[in-house]
Structures are given as C-alpha cells and as structure tokens.
Amino acid sequence: MRKVLHSYVFRVIIAALLVIAMGAIQYEPMISGFKFWIAFVVIVCVMVYIVTMVGSMQKKLSLSDKALKAISEKTTENTNTEKDN
C-alpha cells in the first residue's frame, strides 16, 4: 500500500510542476528568454511520463497474459483428469 501511495504522490507532484511551468510560460513576461527551455523541459517530462506509463501497461498486460495461460493450463489439466476417472 505504501508503494502505491508513494507512486501516486510522485505523479501528483510531477503533474503540479508541469502545470506551474506551463502557467509560467504562458503568463509571466519576465521569463521570455527562458520560455524555450521551460517548454523543452516540460515536453521531455511529459514524454518520459508517457513512455513510463506505456511500459507499465505493457508489463501489466504481460503478467495478466501469463496468469491467463496458467489458469487455462490448470483448467485443461483438471478436465483431463476428470475424463480419465
């Protein structure tokens, strides 16, 4: 549970930082020289976040596929032993 909570807190912090950075880009005239770099960092962070989420989804799908195969094999074994008896 603690690991899940830390994961969500980390995601919320990242999202908050991205919102603050985008607000700074849009509404703060004093940082006009840094807008490119702030936007670049925001875009890179978003891309890393997306790639991480896709990797996490792929891992979960792979684990669920393995679990389904194991259940299918166990069911096949049980039906075969019932037919033999």
N, C-alpha and C. Protein backbone atom coordinates (compact mmCIF):
# COMPACT_ATOMS: atom_id res chain seq x y z
N MET A 1 0.82 -1.19 0.00
CA MET A 1 0.00 0.00 0.00
C MET A 1 0.87 1.26 0.00
N ARG A 2 1.93 1.22 0.76
CA ARG A 2 2.81 2.39 0.87
C ARG A 2 3.46 2.70 -0.48
N LYS A 3 3.86 1.65 -1.21
CA LYS A 3 4.48 1.84 -2.51
C LYS A 3 3.51 2.49 -3.49
N VAL A 4 2.26 2.06 -3.45
CA VAL A 4 1.24 2.63 -4.33
C VAL A 4 1.01 4.10 -3.98
N LEU A 5 0.94 4.40 -2.69
CA LEU A 5 0.73 5.78 -2.25
C LEU A 5 1.88 6.68 -2.71
N HIS A 6 3.10 6.20 -2.57
CA HIS A 6 4.25 6.99 -3.00
C HIS A 6 4.22 7.21 -4.52
N SER A 7 3.78 6.21 -5.25
CA SER A 7 3.69 6.33 -6.70
C SER A 7 2.69 7.42 -7.08
N TYR A 8 1.53 7.43 -6.44
CA TYR A 8 0.53 8.45 -6.75
C TYR A 8 0.99 9.83 -6.31
N VAL A 9 1.65 9.94 -5.18
CA VAL A 9 2.17 11.23 -4.73
C VAL A 9 3.19 11.75 -5.72
N PHE A 10 4.05 10.88 -6.21
CA PHE A 10 5.06 11.27 -7.20
C PHE A 10 4.39 11.77 -8.47
N ARG A 11 3.35 11.08 -8.93
CA ARG A 11 2.63 11.50 -10.13
C ARG A 11 1.96 12.86 -9.93
N VAL A 12 1.38 13.08 -8.77
CA VAL A 12 0.72 14.36 -8.50
C VAL A 12 1.74 15.49 -8.46
N ILE A 13 2.89 15.24 -7.86
CA ILE A 13 3.95 16.27 -7.82
C ILE A 13 4.42 16.61 -9.23
N ILE A 14 4.63 15.61 -10.05
CA ILE A 14 5.05 15.86 -11.43
C ILE A 14 3.99 16.65 -12.18
N ALA A 15 2.74 16.26 -12.03
CA ALA A 15 1.67 16.98 -12.72
C ALA A 15 1.59 18.43 -12.25
N ALA A 16 1.74 18.65 -10.95
CA ALA A 16 1.70 20.02 -10.42
C ALA A 16 2.85 20.85 -10.96
N LEU A 17 4.04 20.28 -11.02
CA LEU A 17 5.19 21.01 -11.56
C LEU A 17 5.00 21.35 -13.04
N LEU A 18 4.43 20.43 -13.78
CA LEU A 18 4.18 20.70 -15.19
C LEU A 18 3.15 21.81 -15.37
N VAL A 19 2.10 21.81 -14.55
CA VAL A 19 1.09 22.87 -14.64
C VAL A 19 1.70 24.22 -14.27
N ILE A 20 2.51 24.25 -13.24
CA ILE A 20 3.16 25.50 -12.84
C ILE A 20 4.09 26.00 -13.94
N ALA A 21 4.85 25.11 -14.54
CA ALA A 21 5.76 25.50 -15.61
C ALA A 21 4.99 26.03 -16.82
N MET A 22 3.91 25.38 -17.19
CA MET A 22 3.14 25.85 -18.33
C MET A 22 2.49 27.19 -18.02
N GLY A 23 2.04 27.39 -16.79
CA GLY A 23 1.49 28.69 -16.40
C GLY A 23 2.54 29.77 -16.46
N ALA A 24 3.76 29.44 -16.04
CA ALA A 24 4.85 30.41 -16.09
C ALA A 24 5.18 30.78 -17.53
N ILE A 25 5.14 29.82 -18.41
CA ILE A 25 5.41 30.09 -19.82
C ILE A 25 4.33 31.01 -20.40
N GLN A 26 3.12 30.77 -20.03
CA GLN A 26 2.02 31.48 -20.65
C GLN A 26 1.82 32.89 -20.10
N TYR A 27 1.98 33.08 -18.81
CA TYR A 27 1.56 34.33 -18.19
C TYR A 27 2.69 35.21 -17.64
N GLU A 28 3.90 34.74 -17.61
CA GLU A 28 4.99 35.52 -17.00
C GLU A 28 5.84 36.16 -18.08
N PRO A 29 5.76 37.49 -18.26
CA PRO A 29 6.53 38.14 -19.32
C PRO A 29 8.02 38.27 -18.99
N MET A 30 8.39 38.15 -17.72
CA MET A 30 9.79 38.35 -17.34
C MET A 30 10.68 37.17 -17.72
N ILE A 31 10.11 36.03 -18.01
CA ILE A 31 10.94 34.86 -18.33
C ILE A 31 10.93 34.55 -19.83
N SER A 32 10.73 35.55 -20.64
CA SER A 32 10.61 35.32 -22.08
C SER A 32 11.87 34.67 -22.67
N GLY A 33 13.02 34.95 -22.09
CA GLY A 33 14.26 34.34 -22.59
C GLY A 33 14.37 32.86 -22.27
N PHE A 34 13.64 32.40 -21.26
CA PHE A 34 13.73 31.01 -20.84
C PHE A 34 12.54 30.17 -21.30
N LYS A 35 11.62 30.78 -22.05
CA LYS A 35 10.42 30.05 -22.44
C LYS A 35 10.73 28.79 -23.24
N PHE A 36 11.70 28.88 -24.14
CA PHE A 36 12.05 27.71 -24.93
C PHE A 36 12.52 26.58 -24.04
N TRP A 37 13.38 26.88 -23.09
CA TRP A 37 13.94 25.83 -22.24
C TRP A 37 12.91 25.26 -21.28
N ILE A 38 12.05 26.12 -20.77
CA ILE A 38 10.99 25.61 -19.89
C ILE A 38 10.05 24.71 -20.68
N ALA A 39 9.66 25.15 -21.87
CA ALA A 39 8.79 24.33 -22.72
C ALA A 39 9.48 23.02 -23.09
N PHE A 40 10.78 23.08 -23.37
CA PHE A 40 11.52 21.87 -23.72
C PHE A 40 11.52 20.88 -22.55
N VAL A 41 11.77 21.37 -21.35
CA VAL A 41 11.79 20.51 -20.17
C VAL A 41 10.40 19.91 -19.92
N VAL A 42 9.37 20.73 -20.08
CA VAL A 42 8.01 20.24 -19.88
C VAL A 42 7.69 19.14 -20.89
N ILE A 43 8.03 19.36 -22.15
CA ILE A 43 7.74 18.36 -23.17
C ILE A 43 8.52 17.08 -22.93
N VAL A 44 9.77 17.19 -22.54
CA VAL A 44 10.58 15.99 -22.26
C VAL A 44 9.98 15.23 -21.06
N CYS A 45 9.58 15.96 -20.03
CA CYS A 45 8.97 15.30 -18.86
C CYS A 45 7.69 14.59 -19.23
N VAL A 46 6.87 15.23 -20.05
CA VAL A 46 5.62 14.59 -20.47
C VAL A 46 5.91 13.34 -21.29
N MET A 47 6.89 13.41 -22.18
CA MET A 47 7.23 12.25 -23.00
C MET A 47 7.76 11.10 -22.14
N VAL A 48 8.60 11.41 -21.16
CA VAL A 48 9.11 10.38 -20.26
C VAL A 48 7.95 9.76 -19.48
N TYR A 49 7.03 10.59 -19.02
CA TYR A 49 5.87 10.09 -18.28
C TYR A 49 5.03 9.17 -19.15
N ILE A 50 4.80 9.56 -20.40
CA ILE A 50 4.00 8.72 -21.30
C ILE A 50 4.70 7.40 -21.57
N VAL A 51 5.99 7.44 -21.83
CA VAL A 51 6.74 6.20 -22.09
C VAL A 51 6.71 5.30 -20.85
N THR A 52 6.83 5.89 -19.67
CA THR A 52 6.78 5.11 -18.43
C THR A 52 5.42 4.46 -18.25
N MET A 53 4.37 5.20 -18.52
CA MET A 53 3.01 4.65 -18.38
C MET A 53 2.76 3.53 -19.39
N VAL A 54 3.23 3.70 -20.62
CA VAL A 54 3.06 2.65 -21.63
C VAL A 54 3.84 1.41 -21.23
N GLY A 55 5.04 1.59 -20.72
CA GLY A 55 5.83 0.45 -20.25
C GLY A 55 5.15 -0.27 -19.09
N SER A 56 4.56 0.49 -18.20
CA SER A 56 3.83 -0.10 -17.07
C SER A 56 2.62 -0.88 -17.56
N MET A 57 1.89 -0.31 -18.52
CA MET A 57 0.74 -1.02 -19.08
C MET A 57 1.16 -2.30 -19.78
N GLN A 58 2.27 -2.25 -20.51
CA GLN A 58 2.76 -3.44 -21.21
C GLN A 58 3.15 -4.52 -20.21
N LYS A 59 3.78 -4.13 -19.12
CA LYS A 59 4.17 -5.09 -18.10
C LYS A 59 2.94 -5.74 -17.46
N LYS A 60 1.92 -4.93 -17.16
CA LYS A 60 0.70 -5.47 -16.57
C LYS A 60 -0.02 -6.40 -17.53
N LEU A 61 -0.06 -6.04 -18.82
CA LEU A 61 -0.68 -6.92 -19.80
C LEU A 61 0.07 -8.24 -19.93
N SER A 62 1.38 -8.16 -19.90
CA SER A 62 2.19 -9.38 -19.98
C SER A 62 1.93 -10.29 -18.78
N LEU A 63 1.88 -9.71 -17.59
CA LEU A 63 1.60 -10.51 -16.39
C LEU A 63 0.21 -11.11 -16.43
N SER A 64 -0.77 -10.35 -16.91
CA SER A 64 -2.13 -10.90 -16.98
C SER A 64 -2.22 -12.00 -18.03
N ASP A 65 -1.47 -11.85 -19.13
CA ASP A 65 -1.45 -12.90 -20.15
C ASP A 65 -0.85 -14.19 -19.59
N LYS A 66 0.24 -14.06 -18.82
CA LYS A 66 0.84 -15.23 -18.20
C LYS A 66 -0.12 -15.89 -17.22
N ALA A 67 -0.84 -15.07 -16.45
CA ALA A 67 -1.80 -15.61 -15.48
C ALA A 67 -2.94 -16.34 -16.20
N LEU A 68 -3.41 -15.77 -17.31
CA LEU A 68 -4.47 -16.43 -18.06
C LEU A 68 -4.01 -17.75 -18.65
N LYS A 69 -2.77 -17.80 -19.14
CA LYS A 69 -2.23 -19.05 -19.67
C LYS A 69 -2.13 -20.11 -18.57
N ALA A 70 -1.69 -19.70 -17.39
CA ALA A 70 -1.57 -20.64 -16.28
C ALA A 70 -2.94 -21.16 -15.88
N ILE A 71 -3.94 -20.30 -15.83
CA ILE A 71 -5.30 -20.73 -15.49
C ILE A 71 -5.83 -21.67 -16.56
N SER A 72 -5.56 -21.36 -17.83
CA SER A 72 -6.02 -22.21 -18.92
C SER A 72 -5.38 -23.60 -18.84
N GLU A 73 -4.08 -23.64 -18.55
CA GLU A 73 -3.40 -24.93 -18.43
C GLU A 73 -3.94 -25.73 -17.25
N LYS A 74 -4.19 -25.05 -16.14
CA LYS A 74 -4.72 -25.75 -14.96
C LYS A 74 -6.12 -26.29 -15.23
N THR A 75 -6.93 -25.51 -15.94
CA THR A 75 -8.28 -25.96 -16.28
C THR A 75 -8.23 -27.16 -17.21
N THR A 76 -7.32 -27.12 -18.18
CA THR A 76 -7.15 -28.24 -19.10
C THR A 76 -6.72 -29.49 -18.35
N GLU A 77 -5.80 -29.35 -17.40
CA GLU A 77 -5.36 -30.49 -16.59
C GLU A 77 -6.53 -31.07 -15.79
N ASN A 78 -7.32 -30.21 -15.19
CA ASN A 78 -8.44 -30.68 -14.39
C ASN A 78 -9.48 -31.40 -15.23
N THR A 79 -9.76 -30.91 -16.42
CA THR A 79 -10.73 -31.59 -17.28
C THR A 79 -10.19 -32.92 -17.78
N ASN A 80 -8.88 -32.99 -18.03
CA ASN A 80 -8.27 -34.25 -18.47
C ASN A 80 -8.31 -35.30 -17.37
N THR A 81 -8.04 -34.91 -16.13
CA THR A 81 -8.07 -35.87 -15.02
C THR A 81 -9.50 -36.31 -14.74
N GLU A 82 -10.48 -35.45 -14.93
CA GLU A 82 -11.87 -35.84 -14.72
C GLU A 82 -12.32 -36.82 -15.80
N LYS A 83 -11.84 -36.64 -17.03
CA LYS A 83 -12.20 -37.57 -18.10
C LYS A 83 -11.58 -38.93 -17.89
N ASP A 84 -10.36 -38.96 -17.32
CA ASP A 84 -9.69 -40.24 -17.06
C ASP A 84 -10.41 -41.03 -15.97
N ASN A 85 -11.00 -40.36 -15.03
CA ASN A 85 -11.69 -41.06 -13.93
C ASN A 85 -13.04 -41.45 -14.39
